[in-house]
Amino acid sequence: MAKEKTEKFEDKMKELETIINELETGEIDLDSSIEKYMRAMKLVEECDAKLKSIEEQVNQIVKEDGTLEEFHYEEEE
C-alpha cells in the first residue's frame, strides 16, 4: 500500500521561502520563474487553507457539557 505524502505546514513554508529567494535573485530563466511562481501560489493557497482550518478549531471552546461554542474575543478600548 502506497503511503500518501503529506507535507507539513513548516515544510511548505520553507519551500515557499526558498522559491521567493530564488525569484528575487533573478538568476533563473523565465520558464523556471513561471513554474516556481505557480508552485509558490499553490503553497500559499495550501498554507492559507491550513491556517484558516486551525483558526476555526482554536475559536471553538468545549463547554462543560461537551458541546462546542464559538469563542469571541472583544478588545477593550
Protein backbone atom coordinates (compact mmCIF):
# COMPACT_ATOMS: atom_id res chain seq x y z
CA MET A 1 0.00 0.00 0.00
CA ALA A 2 1.45 3.35 -1.03
CA LYS A 3 1.65 5.99 1.65
CA GLU A 4 0.21 9.34 0.67
CA LYS A 5 2.85 12.01 1.06
CA THR A 6 1.60 14.90 3.13
CA GLU A 7 3.91 17.80 3.65
CA LYS A 8 3.96 19.56 6.97
CA PHE A 9 2.99 23.21 7.16
CA GLU A 10 6.53 24.13 8.19
CA ASP A 11 7.98 22.26 5.20
CA LYS A 12 5.68 24.15 2.85
CA MET A 13 6.71 27.45 4.39
CA LYS A 14 10.41 26.59 3.99
CA GLU A 15 9.85 25.65 0.35
CA LEU A 16 7.93 28.88 -0.21
CA GLU A 17 10.75 30.89 1.33
CA THR A 18 13.29 29.12 -0.89
CA ILE A 19 11.23 29.85 -4.01
CA ILE A 20 10.86 33.52 -3.07
CA ASN A 21 14.60 33.82 -2.55
CA GLU A 22 15.26 32.20 -5.95
CA LEU A 23 12.80 34.50 -7.68
CA GLU A 24 14.27 37.57 -6.00
CA THR A 25 17.76 36.81 -7.29
CA GLY A 26 16.60 36.99 -10.89
CA GLU A 27 19.17 34.37 -11.83
CA ILE A 28 16.71 31.79 -13.20
CA ASP A 29 15.25 31.72 -16.69
CA LEU A 30 11.72 32.83 -17.49
CA ASP A 31 10.22 29.34 -17.82
CA SER A 32 11.66 28.27 -14.46
CA SER A 33 10.46 31.52 -12.90
CA ILE A 34 6.92 30.87 -14.10
CA GLU A 35 6.97 27.29 -12.78
CA LYS A 36 8.34 28.43 -9.42
CA TYR A 37 5.79 31.23 -9.22
CA MET A 38 2.94 28.78 -9.89
CA ARG A 39 4.29 26.40 -7.22
CA ALA A 40 4.59 29.31 -4.78
CA MET A 41 0.97 30.31 -5.38
CA LYS A 42 -0.15 26.72 -4.74
CA LEU A 43 1.85 26.64 -1.50
CA VAL A 44 0.34 29.96 -0.38
CA GLU A 45 -3.15 28.62 -1.06
CA GLU A 46 -2.48 25.39 0.86
CA CYS A 47 -0.91 27.21 3.83
CA ASP A 48 -3.76 29.72 3.94
CA ALA A 49 -6.33 26.91 3.97
CA LYS A 50 -4.45 25.16 6.79
CA LEU A 51 -4.25 28.35 8.86
CA LYS A 52 -7.98 29.03 8.40
CA SER A 53 -8.77 25.47 9.47
CA ILE A 54 -6.62 25.81 12.57
CA GLU A 55 -8.16 29.20 13.37
CA GLU A 56 -11.64 27.66 13.23
CA GLN A 57 -10.55 24.91 15.62
CA VAL A 58 -8.93 27.35 18.02
CA ASN A 59 -12.01 29.60 18.02
CA GLN A 60 -14.20 26.84 19.44
CA ILE A 61 -14.47 26.24 23.14
CA VAL A 62 -15.67 23.00 24.62
CA LYS A 63 -18.24 23.71 27.30
CA GLU A 64 -18.61 21.58 30.42
CA ASP A 65 -21.44 19.58 28.85
CA GLY A 66 -19.21 18.66 25.89
CA THR A 67 -20.81 20.98 23.35
CA LEU A 68 -18.80 23.40 21.27
CA GLU A 69 -19.24 27.13 21.49
CA GLU A 70 -17.70 29.85 19.34
CA PHE A 71 -15.09 31.91 21.13
CA HIS A 72 -15.46 35.67 20.71
CA TYR A 73 -12.72 37.97 21.88
CA GLU A 74 -13.68 41.56 22.50
CA GLU A 75 -10.89 44.10 22.63
CA GLU A 76 -11.06 46.70 25.33
CA GLU A 77 -10.99 50.30 24.17
